Each structure stands twice: as C-alpha cells, then as structure tokens.
C-alpha cells in the first residue's frame, strides 16, 4: 500500500453516476441495455493494483452472475455489502463498452 490516496466526494460521485445514467437512457431504445457478452476476464484483487507485475491468476467473471447479485439486492436492501460495487462495476464496464 502506498501513501497516495484519492479522495472521492460521494456527492460528486452520485452526480456523475446520475449524469451517466441519463446519457445511457438517451442512447438506448426503451428501458434496457442489451449486452451480448456474458463472460469476461477477471483479475483478483491481490493482483489488480500491482501494475508493475503481470497478472498470473486470471479468472473468468460472468455478467449474468454479477447482474443476479445486483437484482437480488433489490429484494433485500439490508443485505448490501461493499462487494456489490464490484459486481456493479463489472456490469457498468460492459454497458460502457456498448454505449457510444
């Protein structure tokens, strides 16, 4: 761990997310984004930020699995954990690759 830190304003983060969701809504027909890929390469947290070493332990992630965790959260909001943000980021990355 380094001494460097990025301080992220939650207010600005929420505003940014809202703006980007408005952009996605304007760029799609209807109320869904159709993703045509399900599996992706995933790098474990222990290697993800070690940028001076090539990752040696690639695993597979699955968008439908990540999305399932997020939709399960809707029926149990008290079950939110920090890792839901990781699952959300995987889905958002796929949407970001799809939306111009």
C-alpha atoms as a PDB file:
ATOM      1  CA  UNK A   1       0.000   0.000   0.000  1.00  0.00           C
ATOM      2  CA  UNK A   2       1.293   3.454  -0.863  1.00  0.00           C
ATOM      3  CA  UNK A   3       0.908   6.780   0.852  1.00  0.00           C
ATOM      4  CA  UNK A   4      -1.036   8.122  -2.134  1.00  0.00           C
ATOM      5  CA  UNK A   5      -4.800   8.485  -1.734  1.00  0.00           C
ATOM      6  CA  UNK A   6      -7.597   9.673  -3.968  1.00  0.00           C
ATOM      7  CA  UNK A   7     -10.358  11.426  -2.049  1.00  0.00           C
ATOM      8  CA  UNK A   8     -13.682  10.814  -3.814  1.00  0.00           C
ATOM      9  CA  UNK A   9     -16.569  13.101  -2.935  1.00  0.00           C
ATOM     10  CA  UNK A  10     -19.688  10.968  -2.579  1.00  0.00           C
ATOM     11  CA  UNK A  11     -21.808  13.944  -3.640  1.00  0.00           C
ATOM     12  CA  UNK A  12     -19.816  14.383  -6.859  1.00  0.00           C
ATOM     13  CA  UNK A  13     -19.758  10.625  -7.442  1.00  0.00           C
ATOM     14  CA  UNK A  14     -23.564  10.442  -7.145  1.00  0.00           C
ATOM     15  CA  UNK A  15     -23.948  13.423  -9.529  1.00  0.00           C
ATOM     16  CA  UNK A  16     -21.595  11.781 -12.028  1.00  0.00           C
ATOM     17  CA  UNK A  17     -23.498   8.496 -11.867  1.00  0.00           C
ATOM     18  CA  UNK A  18     -26.798  10.332 -12.409  1.00  0.00           C
ATOM     19  CA  UNK A  19     -25.388  12.186 -15.426  1.00  0.00           C
ATOM     20  CA  UNK A  20     -24.030   8.998 -16.943  1.00  0.00           C
ATOM     21  CA  UNK A  21     -27.286   7.108 -16.396  1.00  0.00           C
ATOM     22  CA  UNK A  22     -29.110   9.958 -18.156  1.00  0.00           C
ATOM     23  CA  UNK A  23     -26.649   9.544 -21.051  1.00  0.00           C
ATOM     24  CA  UNK A  24     -27.260   5.781 -21.217  1.00  0.00           C
ATOM     25  CA  UNK A  25     -31.032   6.306 -21.152  1.00  0.00           C
ATOM     26  CA  UNK A  26     -30.801   8.807 -24.015  1.00  0.00           C
ATOM     27  CA  UNK A  27     -28.619   6.433 -26.059  1.00  0.00           C
ATOM     28  CA  UNK A  28     -30.911   3.407 -25.788  1.00  0.00           C
ATOM     29  CA  UNK A  29     -34.296   2.461 -27.156  1.00  0.00           C
ATOM     30  CA  UNK A  30     -36.529   1.697 -24.227  1.00  0.00           C
ATOM     31  CA  UNK A  31     -35.640   0.789 -20.688  1.00  0.00           C
ATOM     32  CA  UNK A  32     -32.929  -1.845 -21.208  1.00  0.00           C
ATOM     33  CA  UNK A  33     -29.394  -2.233 -22.467  1.00  0.00           C
ATOM     34  CA  UNK A  34     -28.820  -5.487 -24.329  1.00  0.00           C
ATOM     35  CA  UNK A  35     -25.398  -6.945 -23.606  1.00  0.00           C
ATOM     36  CA  UNK A  36     -24.230  -9.676 -25.977  1.00  0.00           C
ATOM     37  CA  UNK A  37     -21.251 -10.917 -23.988  1.00  0.00           C
ATOM     38  CA  UNK A  38     -21.537 -12.839 -20.710  1.00  0.00           C
ATOM     39  CA  UNK A  39     -18.029 -13.969 -19.732  1.00  0.00           C
ATOM     40  CA  UNK A  40     -15.037 -11.712 -19.172  1.00  0.00           C
ATOM     41  CA  UNK A  41     -11.511 -11.914 -17.806  1.00  0.00           C
ATOM     42  CA  UNK A  42     -11.186 -11.008 -14.165  1.00  0.00           C
ATOM     43  CA  UNK A  43      -8.065 -10.223 -12.153  1.00  0.00           C
ATOM     44  CA  UNK A  44      -8.076 -10.934  -8.418  1.00  0.00           C
ATOM     45  CA  UNK A  45      -7.879  -8.009  -6.016  1.00  0.00           C
ATOM     46  CA  UNK A  46      -4.424  -9.068  -4.808  1.00  0.00           C
ATOM     47  CA  UNK A  47      -3.014  -8.599  -8.333  1.00  0.00           C
ATOM     48  CA  UNK A  48      -5.322  -5.919  -9.736  1.00  0.00           C
ATOM     49  CA  UNK A  49      -3.371  -2.945  -8.405  1.00  0.00           C
ATOM     50  CA  UNK A  50       0.112  -4.468  -8.751  1.00  0.00           C
ATOM     51  CA  UNK A  51       0.731  -2.661 -12.035  1.00  0.00           C
ATOM     52  CA  UNK A  52       4.453  -3.458 -12.157  1.00  0.00           C
ATOM     53  CA  UNK A  53       3.754  -7.214 -12.298  1.00  0.00           C
ATOM     54  CA  UNK A  54       1.880  -9.088 -14.998  1.00  0.00           C
ATOM     55  CA  UNK A  55      -1.164 -10.803 -13.509  1.00  0.00           C
ATOM     56  CA  UNK A  56      -0.667 -14.543 -13.260  1.00  0.00           C
ATOM     57  CA  UNK A  57      -4.045 -15.620 -11.921  1.00  0.00           C
ATOM     58  CA  UNK A  58      -6.708 -14.590 -14.434  1.00  0.00           C
ATOM     59  CA  UNK A  59     -10.142 -15.967 -13.733  1.00  0.00           C
ATOM     60  CA  UNK A  60     -13.466 -15.747 -15.527  1.00  0.00           C
ATOM     61  CA  UNK A  61     -16.264 -13.462 -14.459  1.00  0.00           C
ATOM     62  CA  UNK A  62     -19.832 -13.646 -15.681  1.00  0.00           C
ATOM     63  CA  UNK A  63     -22.058 -10.626 -16.280  1.00  0.00           C
ATOM     64  CA  UNK A  64     -25.274 -12.561 -15.720  1.00  0.00           C
ATOM     65  CA  UNK A  65     -23.950 -13.722 -12.353  1.00  0.00           C
ATOM     66  CA  UNK A  66     -22.934 -10.178 -11.359  1.00  0.00           C
ATOM     67  CA  UNK A  67     -26.317  -8.841 -12.506  1.00  0.00           C
ATOM     68  CA  UNK A  68     -28.054 -11.563 -10.497  1.00  0.00           C
ATOM     69  CA  UNK A  69     -26.326 -10.379  -7.317  1.00  0.00           C
ATOM     70  CA  UNK A  70     -27.477  -6.828  -8.033  1.00  0.00           C
ATOM     71  CA  UNK A  71     -31.091  -7.750  -8.706  1.00  0.00           C
ATOM     72  CA  UNK A  72     -31.129  -9.953  -5.583  1.00  0.00           C
ATOM     73  CA  UNK A  73     -30.108  -6.858  -3.643  1.00  0.00           C
ATOM     74  CA  UNK A  74     -33.309  -5.116  -4.765  1.00  0.00           C
ATOM     75  CA  UNK A  75     -35.360  -7.640  -2.797  1.00  0.00           C
ATOM     76  CA  UNK A  76     -33.066  -7.433   0.257  1.00  0.00           C
ATOM     77  CA  UNK A  77     -31.647  -3.882   0.528  1.00  0.00           C
ATOM     78  CA  UNK A  78     -30.365  -4.591   4.045  1.00  0.00           C
ATOM     79  CA  UNK A  79     -28.085  -7.226   2.541  1.00  0.00           C
ATOM     80  CA  UNK A  80     -25.888  -4.657   0.776  1.00  0.00           C
ATOM     81  CA  UNK A  81     -22.153  -5.271   1.068  1.00  0.00           C
ATOM     82  CA  UNK A  82     -19.222  -3.413  -0.420  1.00  0.00           C
ATOM     83  CA  UNK A  83     -18.623  -6.147  -2.993  1.00  0.00           C
ATOM     84  CA  UNK A  84     -21.927  -5.209  -4.656  1.00  0.00           C
ATOM     85  CA  UNK A  85     -19.965  -2.238  -6.001  1.00  0.00           C
ATOM     86  CA  UNK A  86     -17.549  -4.647  -7.707  1.00  0.00           C
ATOM     87  CA  UNK A  87     -20.428  -6.533  -9.325  1.00  0.00           C
ATOM     88  CA  UNK A  88     -21.951  -3.195 -10.352  1.00  0.00           C
ATOM     89  CA  UNK A  89     -18.652  -2.066 -11.853  1.00  0.00           C
ATOM     90  CA  UNK A  90     -18.464  -5.219 -13.973  1.00  0.00           C
ATOM     91  CA  UNK A  91     -21.928  -4.570 -15.417  1.00  0.00           C
ATOM     92  CA  UNK A  92     -21.236  -0.857 -15.885  1.00  0.00           C
ATOM     93  CA  UNK A  93     -17.988  -1.622 -17.719  1.00  0.00           C
ATOM     94  CA  UNK A  94     -19.878  -3.809 -20.199  1.00  0.00           C
ATOM     95  CA  UNK A  95     -22.502  -1.091 -20.689  1.00  0.00           C
ATOM     96  CA  UNK A  96     -19.728   1.478 -21.167  1.00  0.00           C
ATOM     97  CA  UNK A  97     -18.232  -0.641 -23.944  1.00  0.00           C
ATOM     98  CA  UNK A  98     -21.641  -0.901 -25.602  1.00  0.00           C
ATOM     99  CA  UNK A  99     -22.986   2.688 -25.361  1.00  0.00           C
ATOM    100  CA  UNK A 100     -21.413   5.371 -27.569  1.00  0.00           C
END
